[in-house]
N, C-alpha and C. Protein backbone atom coordinates (compact mmCIF):
# COMPACT_ATOMS: atom_id res chain seq x y z
N UNK A 1 31.11 -71.55 -72.48
CA UNK A 1 32.00 -70.39 -72.53
C UNK A 1 31.36 -69.25 -71.74
N UNK A 2 32.12 -68.61 -70.85
CA UNK A 2 31.54 -67.53 -70.04
C UNK A 2 31.27 -66.30 -70.90
N UNK A 3 30.27 -65.54 -70.47
CA UNK A 3 29.91 -64.31 -71.18
C UNK A 3 30.86 -63.20 -70.76
N UNK A 4 31.16 -62.32 -71.72
CA UNK A 4 32.17 -61.27 -71.50
C UNK A 4 31.66 -60.14 -70.61
N UNK A 5 30.48 -59.67 -70.87
CA UNK A 5 29.97 -58.47 -70.20
C UNK A 5 28.98 -58.86 -69.10
N UNK A 6 29.25 -58.45 -67.85
CA UNK A 6 28.32 -58.81 -66.76
C UNK A 6 26.96 -58.14 -66.87
N UNK A 7 26.85 -57.11 -67.73
CA UNK A 7 25.56 -56.44 -67.92
C UNK A 7 24.77 -57.02 -69.09
N UNK A 8 25.28 -58.05 -69.73
CA UNK A 8 24.54 -58.79 -70.75
C UNK A 8 24.03 -60.05 -70.08
N UNK A 9 22.70 -60.15 -69.96
CA UNK A 9 22.14 -61.31 -69.25
C UNK A 9 21.47 -62.24 -70.26
N UNK A 10 21.71 -63.55 -70.13
CA UNK A 10 21.07 -64.50 -71.04
C UNK A 10 19.58 -64.63 -70.72
N UNK A 11 18.76 -64.40 -71.72
CA UNK A 11 17.31 -64.44 -71.51
C UNK A 11 16.81 -65.85 -71.23
N UNK A 12 17.54 -66.85 -71.65
CA UNK A 12 17.12 -68.23 -71.39
C UNK A 12 17.18 -68.57 -69.89
N UNK A 13 17.94 -67.80 -69.12
CA UNK A 13 18.09 -68.05 -67.69
C UNK A 13 17.02 -67.36 -66.83
N UNK A 14 16.10 -66.63 -67.46
CA UNK A 14 15.05 -65.93 -66.71
C UNK A 14 13.96 -66.95 -66.36
N UNK A 15 13.70 -67.19 -65.07
CA UNK A 15 12.65 -68.14 -64.69
C UNK A 15 11.26 -67.56 -64.99
N UNK A 16 10.23 -68.40 -65.03
CA UNK A 16 8.87 -67.93 -65.34
C UNK A 16 8.36 -66.84 -64.41
N UNK A 17 8.79 -66.84 -63.16
CA UNK A 17 8.35 -65.80 -62.22
C UNK A 17 9.15 -64.51 -62.35
N UNK A 18 10.15 -64.50 -63.23
CA UNK A 18 10.95 -63.30 -63.46
C UNK A 18 12.20 -63.28 -62.61
N UNK A 19 13.03 -62.30 -62.88
CA UNK A 19 14.28 -62.15 -62.14
C UNK A 19 14.61 -60.67 -62.04
N UNK A 20 15.18 -60.27 -60.90
CA UNK A 20 15.52 -58.87 -60.65
C UNK A 20 17.02 -58.64 -60.78
N UNK A 21 17.35 -57.42 -61.25
CA UNK A 21 18.74 -57.03 -61.46
C UNK A 21 18.93 -55.60 -60.98
N UNK A 22 20.18 -55.24 -60.69
CA UNK A 22 20.56 -53.88 -60.36
C UNK A 22 21.75 -53.49 -61.21
N UNK A 23 21.76 -52.24 -61.66
CA UNK A 23 22.91 -51.70 -62.36
C UNK A 23 23.33 -50.45 -61.60
N UNK A 24 24.55 -50.48 -61.07
CA UNK A 24 25.05 -49.32 -60.30
C UNK A 24 26.50 -49.00 -60.63
N UNK A 25 26.99 -49.47 -61.75
CA UNK A 25 28.35 -49.17 -62.20
C UNK A 25 28.36 -47.77 -62.81
N UNK A 26 29.12 -46.86 -62.25
CA UNK A 26 29.13 -45.46 -62.69
C UNK A 26 29.52 -45.33 -64.17
N UNK A 27 30.33 -46.24 -64.69
CA UNK A 27 30.76 -46.15 -66.09
C UNK A 27 29.61 -46.39 -67.07
N UNK A 28 28.55 -47.06 -66.63
CA UNK A 28 27.38 -47.26 -67.49
C UNK A 28 26.81 -45.92 -67.91
N UNK A 29 26.89 -44.93 -67.04
CA UNK A 29 26.36 -43.60 -67.33
C UNK A 29 27.46 -42.62 -67.72
N UNK A 30 28.61 -42.68 -67.09
CA UNK A 30 29.68 -41.72 -67.34
C UNK A 30 30.21 -41.81 -68.77
N UNK A 31 30.41 -43.01 -69.27
CA UNK A 31 30.96 -43.17 -70.63
C UNK A 31 30.05 -42.53 -71.70
N UNK A 32 28.73 -42.78 -71.70
CA UNK A 32 27.89 -42.11 -72.71
C UNK A 32 27.81 -40.59 -72.51
N UNK A 33 27.84 -40.11 -71.26
CA UNK A 33 27.84 -38.66 -71.04
C UNK A 33 29.05 -38.02 -71.71
N UNK A 34 30.20 -38.67 -71.59
CA UNK A 34 31.41 -38.15 -72.23
C UNK A 34 31.34 -38.33 -73.74
N UNK A 35 30.87 -39.49 -74.20
CA UNK A 35 30.80 -39.76 -75.63
C UNK A 35 29.91 -38.76 -76.36
N UNK A 36 28.77 -38.43 -75.76
CA UNK A 36 27.82 -37.52 -76.40
C UNK A 36 28.03 -36.06 -76.00
N UNK A 37 29.09 -35.77 -75.23
CA UNK A 37 29.44 -34.41 -74.80
C UNK A 37 28.26 -33.72 -74.13
N UNK A 38 27.59 -34.45 -73.25
CA UNK A 38 26.43 -33.89 -72.56
C UNK A 38 26.88 -33.07 -71.36
N UNK A 39 26.26 -31.92 -71.18
CA UNK A 39 26.57 -31.06 -70.05
C UNK A 39 25.72 -31.51 -68.86
N UNK A 40 26.12 -32.63 -68.29
CA UNK A 40 25.41 -33.24 -67.17
C UNK A 40 26.48 -33.90 -66.30
N UNK A 41 26.50 -33.54 -65.02
CA UNK A 41 27.47 -34.13 -64.10
C UNK A 41 26.74 -35.00 -63.09
N UNK A 42 27.30 -36.14 -62.81
CA UNK A 42 26.72 -37.05 -61.82
C UNK A 42 27.14 -36.61 -60.43
N UNK A 43 26.17 -36.43 -59.53
CA UNK A 43 26.48 -36.11 -58.13
C UNK A 43 26.78 -37.38 -57.35
N UNK A 44 26.16 -38.47 -57.75
CA UNK A 44 26.42 -39.77 -57.15
C UNK A 44 26.20 -40.82 -58.23
N UNK A 45 26.40 -42.06 -57.88
CA UNK A 45 26.23 -43.14 -58.85
C UNK A 45 24.76 -43.42 -59.05
N UNK A 46 24.26 -43.31 -60.29
CA UNK A 46 22.86 -43.66 -60.54
C UNK A 46 22.61 -45.15 -60.27
N UNK A 47 21.37 -45.47 -60.05
CA UNK A 47 20.98 -46.85 -59.77
C UNK A 47 19.77 -47.20 -60.62
N UNK A 48 19.84 -48.35 -61.29
CA UNK A 48 18.68 -48.88 -61.99
C UNK A 48 18.33 -50.21 -61.36
N UNK A 49 17.09 -50.34 -60.95
CA UNK A 49 16.55 -51.63 -60.47
C UNK A 49 15.61 -52.11 -61.55
N UNK A 50 15.74 -53.38 -61.93
CA UNK A 50 14.97 -53.90 -63.06
C UNK A 50 14.51 -55.31 -62.76
N UNK A 51 13.25 -55.58 -63.09
CA UNK A 51 12.71 -56.93 -63.04
C UNK A 51 12.32 -57.31 -64.46
N UNK A 52 12.79 -58.49 -64.89
CA UNK A 52 12.51 -59.00 -66.23
C UNK A 52 11.54 -60.17 -66.07
N UNK A 53 10.36 -60.05 -66.69
CA UNK A 53 9.32 -61.08 -66.61
C UNK A 53 9.05 -61.66 -67.99
N UNK A 54 9.20 -62.97 -68.17
CA UNK A 54 8.83 -63.56 -69.46
C UNK A 54 7.31 -63.48 -69.64
N UNK A 55 6.88 -63.04 -70.81
CA UNK A 55 5.47 -63.00 -71.18
C UNK A 55 5.35 -63.57 -72.58
N UNK A 56 4.13 -63.69 -73.08
CA UNK A 56 3.92 -64.25 -74.42
C UNK A 56 4.80 -63.55 -75.44
N UNK A 57 5.64 -64.30 -76.07
CA UNK A 57 6.48 -63.85 -77.18
C UNK A 57 7.37 -62.66 -76.85
N UNK A 58 7.82 -62.55 -75.60
CA UNK A 58 8.72 -61.47 -75.25
C UNK A 58 8.96 -61.39 -73.76
N UNK A 59 9.40 -60.21 -73.32
CA UNK A 59 9.72 -59.99 -71.93
C UNK A 59 9.21 -58.62 -71.51
N UNK A 60 8.62 -58.54 -70.33
CA UNK A 60 8.17 -57.29 -69.75
C UNK A 60 9.27 -56.80 -68.81
N UNK A 61 9.65 -55.55 -68.98
CA UNK A 61 10.67 -54.94 -68.12
C UNK A 61 9.99 -53.92 -67.23
N UNK A 62 10.17 -54.08 -65.93
CA UNK A 62 9.64 -53.10 -64.96
C UNK A 62 10.79 -52.66 -64.09
N UNK A 63 10.93 -51.36 -63.96
CA UNK A 63 12.07 -50.90 -63.19
C UNK A 63 11.94 -49.50 -62.67
N UNK A 64 13.04 -49.06 -62.10
CA UNK A 64 13.14 -47.73 -61.49
C UNK A 64 14.55 -47.23 -61.73
N UNK A 65 14.67 -45.95 -62.06
CA UNK A 65 15.97 -45.31 -62.21
C UNK A 65 16.04 -44.17 -61.21
N UNK A 66 17.14 -44.09 -60.48
CA UNK A 66 17.32 -43.03 -59.49
C UNK A 66 18.73 -42.45 -59.64
N UNK A 67 18.81 -41.12 -59.59
CA UNK A 67 20.11 -40.45 -59.72
C UNK A 67 20.00 -39.01 -59.24
N UNK A 68 21.15 -38.45 -58.90
CA UNK A 68 21.26 -37.02 -58.62
C UNK A 68 22.31 -36.47 -59.58
N UNK A 69 21.90 -35.45 -60.33
CA UNK A 69 22.78 -34.88 -61.34
C UNK A 69 22.79 -33.35 -61.24
N UNK A 70 23.77 -32.74 -61.89
CA UNK A 70 23.85 -31.28 -62.01
C UNK A 70 23.69 -30.95 -63.49
N UNK A 71 22.69 -30.11 -63.80
CA UNK A 71 22.44 -29.69 -65.18
C UNK A 71 22.51 -28.17 -65.25
N UNK A 72 22.81 -27.60 -66.42
CA UNK A 72 22.79 -26.15 -66.56
C UNK A 72 21.38 -25.65 -66.86
N UNK A 73 21.03 -24.51 -66.29
CA UNK A 73 19.76 -23.86 -66.61
C UNK A 73 19.79 -23.49 -68.09
N UNK A 74 18.68 -23.71 -68.80
CA UNK A 74 18.66 -23.42 -70.24
C UNK A 74 18.64 -21.92 -70.53
N UNK A 75 18.36 -21.09 -69.54
CA UNK A 75 18.32 -19.64 -69.78
C UNK A 75 19.57 -18.91 -69.29
N UNK A 76 20.06 -19.27 -68.09
CA UNK A 76 21.19 -18.52 -67.52
C UNK A 76 22.44 -19.37 -67.31
N UNK A 77 22.38 -20.63 -67.58
CA UNK A 77 23.48 -21.61 -67.46
C UNK A 77 23.94 -21.87 -66.03
N UNK A 78 23.19 -21.42 -65.03
CA UNK A 78 23.56 -21.72 -63.64
C UNK A 78 23.39 -23.22 -63.38
N UNK A 79 24.23 -23.76 -62.52
CA UNK A 79 24.13 -25.18 -62.16
C UNK A 79 22.86 -25.43 -61.35
N UNK A 80 22.15 -26.50 -61.72
CA UNK A 80 20.92 -26.87 -61.03
C UNK A 80 21.04 -28.31 -60.56
N UNK A 81 20.87 -28.56 -59.27
CA UNK A 81 20.83 -29.97 -58.82
C UNK A 81 19.46 -30.56 -59.16
N UNK A 82 19.46 -31.72 -59.79
CA UNK A 82 18.22 -32.39 -60.20
C UNK A 82 18.22 -33.80 -59.62
N UNK A 83 17.11 -34.18 -59.00
CA UNK A 83 16.95 -35.54 -58.50
C UNK A 83 16.02 -36.28 -59.44
N UNK A 84 16.49 -37.42 -59.91
CA UNK A 84 15.71 -38.28 -60.79
C UNK A 84 15.26 -39.49 -59.99
N UNK A 85 13.99 -39.79 -60.04
CA UNK A 85 13.44 -41.01 -59.41
C UNK A 85 12.21 -41.39 -60.22
N UNK A 86 12.42 -42.19 -61.24
CA UNK A 86 11.37 -42.52 -62.20
C UNK A 86 11.16 -44.03 -62.28
N UNK A 87 9.91 -44.42 -62.38
CA UNK A 87 9.57 -45.81 -62.66
C UNK A 87 9.32 -45.94 -64.16
N UNK A 88 9.56 -47.13 -64.70
CA UNK A 88 9.36 -47.34 -66.13
C UNK A 88 8.92 -48.77 -66.39
N UNK A 89 8.28 -48.95 -67.53
CA UNK A 89 7.91 -50.26 -68.05
C UNK A 89 8.24 -50.28 -69.53
N UNK A 90 8.67 -51.43 -70.01
CA UNK A 90 8.99 -51.59 -71.42
C UNK A 90 8.69 -53.03 -71.79
N UNK A 91 8.53 -53.28 -73.06
CA UNK A 91 8.28 -54.62 -73.57
C UNK A 91 9.28 -54.90 -74.67
N UNK A 92 9.88 -56.07 -74.62
CA UNK A 92 10.81 -56.47 -75.67
C UNK A 92 10.24 -57.70 -76.35
N UNK A 93 10.07 -57.57 -77.65
CA UNK A 93 9.51 -58.64 -78.48
C UNK A 93 10.60 -59.67 -78.76
N UNK A 94 10.25 -60.94 -78.61
CA UNK A 94 11.18 -62.01 -78.95
C UNK A 94 11.36 -62.03 -80.48
N UNK A 95 12.60 -62.12 -80.96
CA UNK A 95 12.80 -62.15 -82.42
C UNK A 95 12.16 -63.39 -83.03
N UNK A 96 11.74 -63.26 -84.29
CA UNK A 96 11.19 -64.41 -85.00
C UNK A 96 12.24 -65.50 -85.10
N UNK A 97 11.79 -66.75 -85.14
CA UNK A 97 12.73 -67.87 -85.19
C UNK A 97 13.64 -67.80 -86.40
N UNK A 98 13.14 -67.37 -87.53
CA UNK A 98 13.94 -67.31 -88.74
C UNK A 98 14.83 -66.07 -88.82
N UNK A 99 14.62 -65.11 -87.89
CA UNK A 99 15.39 -63.86 -87.94
C UNK A 99 16.84 -64.12 -87.54
N UNK A 100 17.74 -63.72 -88.40
CA UNK A 100 19.16 -63.90 -88.12
C UNK A 100 19.65 -62.70 -87.32
N UNK A 101 20.21 -62.97 -86.16
CA UNK A 101 20.78 -61.91 -85.34
C UNK A 101 22.28 -61.91 -85.52
N UNK A 102 22.88 -60.74 -85.70
CA UNK A 102 24.33 -60.69 -85.81
C UNK A 102 24.98 -61.02 -84.47
N UNK A 103 26.06 -61.77 -84.52
CA UNK A 103 26.79 -62.15 -83.31
C UNK A 103 27.41 -60.90 -82.68
N UNK A 104 27.24 -60.74 -81.36
CA UNK A 104 27.80 -59.63 -80.59
C UNK A 104 27.36 -58.26 -81.11
N UNK A 105 26.19 -58.20 -81.69
CA UNK A 105 25.65 -56.94 -82.19
C UNK A 105 24.17 -56.90 -81.85
N UNK A 106 23.57 -55.72 -81.90
CA UNK A 106 22.17 -55.59 -81.53
C UNK A 106 21.26 -56.10 -82.62
N UNK A 107 20.12 -56.64 -82.19
CA UNK A 107 19.11 -57.11 -83.14
C UNK A 107 18.56 -55.90 -83.89
N UNK A 108 18.21 -56.10 -85.13
CA UNK A 108 17.69 -55.00 -85.93
C UNK A 108 16.39 -54.49 -85.31
N UNK A 109 16.33 -53.19 -85.08
CA UNK A 109 15.13 -52.58 -84.53
C UNK A 109 15.04 -52.64 -83.01
N UNK A 110 16.00 -53.29 -82.35
CA UNK A 110 15.95 -53.36 -80.90
C UNK A 110 17.36 -53.16 -80.34
N UNK A 111 17.54 -52.11 -79.58
CA UNK A 111 18.86 -51.80 -79.04
C UNK A 111 19.14 -52.53 -77.73
N UNK A 112 18.25 -53.43 -77.33
CA UNK A 112 18.43 -54.12 -76.05
C UNK A 112 18.79 -55.60 -76.19
N UNK A 113 18.55 -56.17 -77.35
CA UNK A 113 18.82 -57.59 -77.57
C UNK A 113 20.06 -57.78 -78.43
N UNK A 114 20.85 -58.78 -78.07
CA UNK A 114 21.99 -59.14 -78.89
C UNK A 114 22.26 -60.62 -78.74
N UNK A 115 23.03 -61.14 -79.65
CA UNK A 115 23.38 -62.56 -79.66
C UNK A 115 24.84 -62.67 -79.26
N UNK A 116 25.10 -63.45 -78.22
CA UNK A 116 26.46 -63.63 -77.74
C UNK A 116 26.70 -65.12 -77.53
N UNK A 117 27.63 -65.70 -78.27
CA UNK A 117 27.93 -67.14 -78.20
C UNK A 117 26.68 -67.99 -78.41
N UNK A 118 25.82 -67.54 -79.31
CA UNK A 118 24.61 -68.28 -79.64
C UNK A 118 23.46 -68.07 -78.69
N UNK A 119 23.65 -67.29 -77.63
CA UNK A 119 22.59 -67.05 -76.64
C UNK A 119 22.01 -65.65 -76.84
N UNK A 120 20.69 -65.56 -76.77
CA UNK A 120 20.00 -64.27 -76.86
C UNK A 120 20.21 -63.55 -75.52
N UNK A 121 20.77 -62.33 -75.60
CA UNK A 121 21.13 -61.59 -74.39
C UNK A 121 20.35 -60.28 -74.31
N UNK A 122 20.12 -59.84 -73.09
CA UNK A 122 19.51 -58.54 -72.82
C UNK A 122 20.62 -57.63 -72.30
N UNK A 123 20.77 -56.46 -72.92
CA UNK A 123 21.82 -55.51 -72.55
C UNK A 123 21.29 -54.55 -71.50
N UNK A 124 21.65 -54.78 -70.24
CA UNK A 124 21.19 -53.93 -69.15
C UNK A 124 21.78 -52.52 -69.24
N UNK A 125 22.99 -52.40 -69.78
CA UNK A 125 23.60 -51.07 -69.94
C UNK A 125 22.78 -50.20 -70.87
N UNK A 126 22.34 -50.77 -71.98
CA UNK A 126 21.54 -50.01 -72.95
C UNK A 126 20.22 -49.57 -72.32
N UNK A 127 19.60 -50.44 -71.55
CA UNK A 127 18.34 -50.10 -70.88
C UNK A 127 18.57 -49.00 -69.85
N UNK A 128 19.64 -49.14 -69.06
CA UNK A 128 19.95 -48.15 -68.02
C UNK A 128 20.19 -46.77 -68.64
N UNK A 129 20.98 -46.71 -69.72
CA UNK A 129 21.28 -45.43 -70.36
C UNK A 129 20.01 -44.82 -70.96
N UNK A 130 19.21 -45.64 -71.63
CA UNK A 130 17.99 -45.13 -72.25
C UNK A 130 17.05 -44.54 -71.21
N UNK A 131 16.83 -45.26 -70.12
CA UNK A 131 15.92 -44.78 -69.08
C UNK A 131 16.46 -43.54 -68.37
N UNK A 132 17.77 -43.48 -68.19
CA UNK A 132 18.40 -42.31 -67.59
C UNK A 132 18.18 -41.09 -68.49
N UNK A 133 18.46 -41.25 -69.79
CA UNK A 133 18.30 -40.14 -70.73
C UNK A 133 16.85 -39.68 -70.82
N UNK A 134 15.90 -40.62 -70.78
CA UNK A 134 14.48 -40.26 -70.82
C UNK A 134 14.03 -39.54 -69.55
N UNK A 135 14.68 -39.83 -68.43
CA UNK A 135 14.27 -39.23 -67.15
C UNK A 135 14.83 -37.82 -66.96
N UNK A 136 15.85 -37.44 -67.73
CA UNK A 136 16.41 -36.09 -67.59
C UNK A 136 15.37 -35.05 -68.03
N UNK A 137 15.26 -33.94 -67.30
CA UNK A 137 14.30 -32.91 -67.72
C UNK A 137 14.72 -32.29 -69.05
N UNK A 138 13.78 -32.09 -69.97
CA UNK A 138 14.15 -31.56 -71.28
C UNK A 138 14.53 -30.07 -71.26
N UNK A 139 13.96 -29.31 -70.33
CA UNK A 139 14.25 -27.88 -70.24
C UNK A 139 14.49 -27.49 -68.79
N UNK A 140 15.67 -27.81 -68.25
CA UNK A 140 15.92 -27.49 -66.84
C UNK A 140 16.02 -25.98 -66.62
N UNK A 141 15.31 -25.49 -65.61
CA UNK A 141 15.32 -24.07 -65.25
C UNK A 141 15.75 -23.94 -63.79
N UNK A 142 16.57 -22.93 -63.50
CA UNK A 142 16.99 -22.70 -62.11
C UNK A 142 15.81 -22.22 -61.27
N UNK A 143 14.88 -21.52 -61.91
CA UNK A 143 13.64 -21.07 -61.28
C UNK A 143 12.67 -20.70 -62.40
N UNK A 144 11.37 -20.77 -62.16
CA UNK A 144 10.40 -20.53 -63.24
C UNK A 144 10.50 -19.15 -63.88
N UNK A 145 10.91 -18.14 -63.10
CA UNK A 145 10.97 -16.78 -63.64
C UNK A 145 12.39 -16.37 -64.03
N UNK A 146 13.24 -17.32 -64.36
CA UNK A 146 14.62 -17.03 -64.75
C UNK A 146 14.62 -16.07 -65.94
N UNK A 147 15.38 -14.98 -65.83
CA UNK A 147 15.43 -13.96 -66.88
C UNK A 147 16.52 -14.25 -67.90
N UNK A 148 17.41 -15.18 -67.61
CA UNK A 148 18.43 -15.58 -68.57
C UNK A 148 19.60 -14.63 -68.65
N UNK A 149 20.29 -14.66 -69.79
CA UNK A 149 21.47 -13.83 -70.03
C UNK A 149 21.15 -12.77 -71.07
N UNK A 150 21.80 -11.62 -70.96
CA UNK A 150 21.65 -10.56 -71.97
C UNK A 150 22.22 -11.09 -73.28
N UNK A 151 21.47 -10.98 -74.37
CA UNK A 151 21.97 -11.49 -75.65
C UNK A 151 23.14 -10.69 -76.22
N UNK A 152 23.39 -9.50 -75.68
CA UNK A 152 24.46 -8.65 -76.20
C UNK A 152 25.74 -8.79 -75.38
N UNK A 153 25.64 -8.63 -74.05
CA UNK A 153 26.85 -8.63 -73.23
C UNK A 153 27.03 -9.91 -72.41
N UNK A 154 25.98 -10.73 -72.31
CA UNK A 154 26.09 -11.98 -71.58
C UNK A 154 25.90 -11.87 -70.08
N UNK A 155 25.49 -10.71 -69.58
CA UNK A 155 25.28 -10.52 -68.14
C UNK A 155 24.09 -11.35 -67.68
N UNK A 156 24.18 -11.86 -66.45
CA UNK A 156 23.09 -12.62 -65.86
C UNK A 156 22.01 -11.63 -65.42
N UNK A 157 20.86 -11.64 -66.10
CA UNK A 157 19.79 -10.68 -65.82
C UNK A 157 19.04 -10.99 -64.53
N UNK A 158 19.28 -12.16 -63.92
CA UNK A 158 18.70 -12.47 -62.62
C UNK A 158 19.37 -11.64 -61.51
N UNK A 159 20.59 -11.19 -61.75
CA UNK A 159 21.34 -10.41 -60.76
C UNK A 159 21.09 -8.92 -60.90
N UNK A 160 20.38 -8.51 -61.94
CA UNK A 160 20.08 -7.10 -62.17
C UNK A 160 20.23 -6.77 -63.64
N UNK A 161 19.82 -5.54 -64.00
CA UNK A 161 19.92 -5.15 -65.41
C UNK A 161 21.38 -5.01 -65.83
N UNK A 162 21.61 -5.20 -67.12
CA UNK A 162 22.96 -5.04 -67.66
C UNK A 162 23.18 -3.59 -68.05
N UNK A 163 24.37 -3.26 -68.50
CA UNK A 163 24.70 -1.87 -68.86
C UNK A 163 24.51 -1.58 -70.35
N UNK A 164 23.89 -2.50 -71.07
CA UNK A 164 23.64 -2.28 -72.50
C UNK A 164 22.58 -1.20 -72.67
N UNK A 165 22.71 -0.34 -73.71
CA UNK A 165 21.68 0.68 -73.95
C UNK A 165 20.36 0.01 -74.32
N UNK A 166 19.27 0.65 -73.91
CA UNK A 166 17.94 0.11 -74.21
C UNK A 166 17.75 0.06 -75.72
N UNK A 167 17.18 -1.00 -76.18
CA UNK A 167 16.97 -1.17 -77.62
C UNK A 167 15.76 -0.34 -78.04
N UNK A 168 15.95 0.45 -79.08
CA UNK A 168 14.90 1.34 -79.58
C UNK A 168 13.94 0.62 -80.51
N UNK A 169 14.28 -0.52 -80.98
CA UNK A 169 13.42 -1.23 -81.91
C UNK A 169 13.82 -0.92 -83.34
N UNK A 170 13.06 -1.44 -84.25
CA UNK A 170 13.33 -1.27 -85.68
C UNK A 170 13.03 0.18 -86.08
N UNK A 171 14.03 0.92 -86.60
CA UNK A 171 13.79 2.33 -86.95
C UNK A 171 12.75 2.50 -88.05
N UNK A 172 12.53 1.51 -88.85
CA UNK A 172 11.52 1.62 -89.93
C UNK A 172 10.11 1.69 -89.37
N UNK A 173 9.94 1.23 -88.11
CA UNK A 173 8.62 1.24 -87.50
C UNK A 173 8.43 2.39 -86.51
N UNK A 174 9.41 3.33 -86.46
CA UNK A 174 9.36 4.44 -85.50
C UNK A 174 8.10 5.28 -85.65
N UNK A 175 7.60 5.46 -86.84
CA UNK A 175 6.41 6.26 -87.08
C UNK A 175 5.18 5.66 -86.39
N UNK A 176 5.18 4.36 -86.15
CA UNK A 176 4.02 3.71 -85.54
C UNK A 176 4.02 3.77 -84.01
N UNK A 177 5.12 4.21 -83.39
CA UNK A 177 5.22 4.18 -81.93
C UNK A 177 4.21 5.09 -81.23
N UNK A 178 3.81 6.14 -81.86
CA UNK A 178 2.89 7.08 -81.22
C UNK A 178 1.43 6.76 -81.45
N UNK A 179 1.12 5.76 -82.19
CA UNK A 179 -0.28 5.45 -82.51
C UNK A 179 -0.98 4.87 -81.28
N UNK A 180 -2.17 5.39 -81.01
CA UNK A 180 -3.01 4.91 -79.90
C UNK A 180 -4.31 4.41 -80.53
N UNK A 181 -4.76 3.27 -80.10
CA UNK A 181 -6.01 2.69 -80.63
C UNK A 181 -7.09 2.90 -79.57
N UNK A 182 -8.22 3.52 -80.00
CA UNK A 182 -9.34 3.76 -79.09
C UNK A 182 -10.17 2.50 -78.98
N UNK A 183 -10.55 2.20 -77.75
CA UNK A 183 -11.41 1.04 -77.53
C UNK A 183 -12.86 1.44 -77.81
N UNK A 184 -13.59 0.57 -78.42
CA UNK A 184 -14.98 0.87 -78.80
C UNK A 184 -15.93 0.66 -77.65
């Protein structure tokens, strides 16, 4: 019986010298971006190149993820073009012989293995999405000295000061403003 998903590869078909795969279907990345409501736009179709090597009691995954995306600056929300080009390695443990895997569902503790028509499968989509998400910068900045937005009026402080009155500080501490400490 043919397998339903072209991104689910049967691990029994991996030769001892390994096998290489590519994932370049835009929906592999676009669908999770929409599902998780991520503020990330794809400039082009990401590409994952992956080599799967059988090793003792599992498989070694070596690959590369490349993409160009647009992310918002965490301080001023300006669009930032980001180029991702990351190499990665991962190891997937072969399930114990007695371990029951649910049909068409992921193995417990591993989001990359599933059982389909009795065959142990590797989900390339799950690997591609995970590596893409890990490669995204956690705190994208338009520039290192980004001043962000005014917390009161929302003006972009990189373009100049806003028209909000200067904050005087906590009035309870006004008596301390004139204190000068002499250096010894």
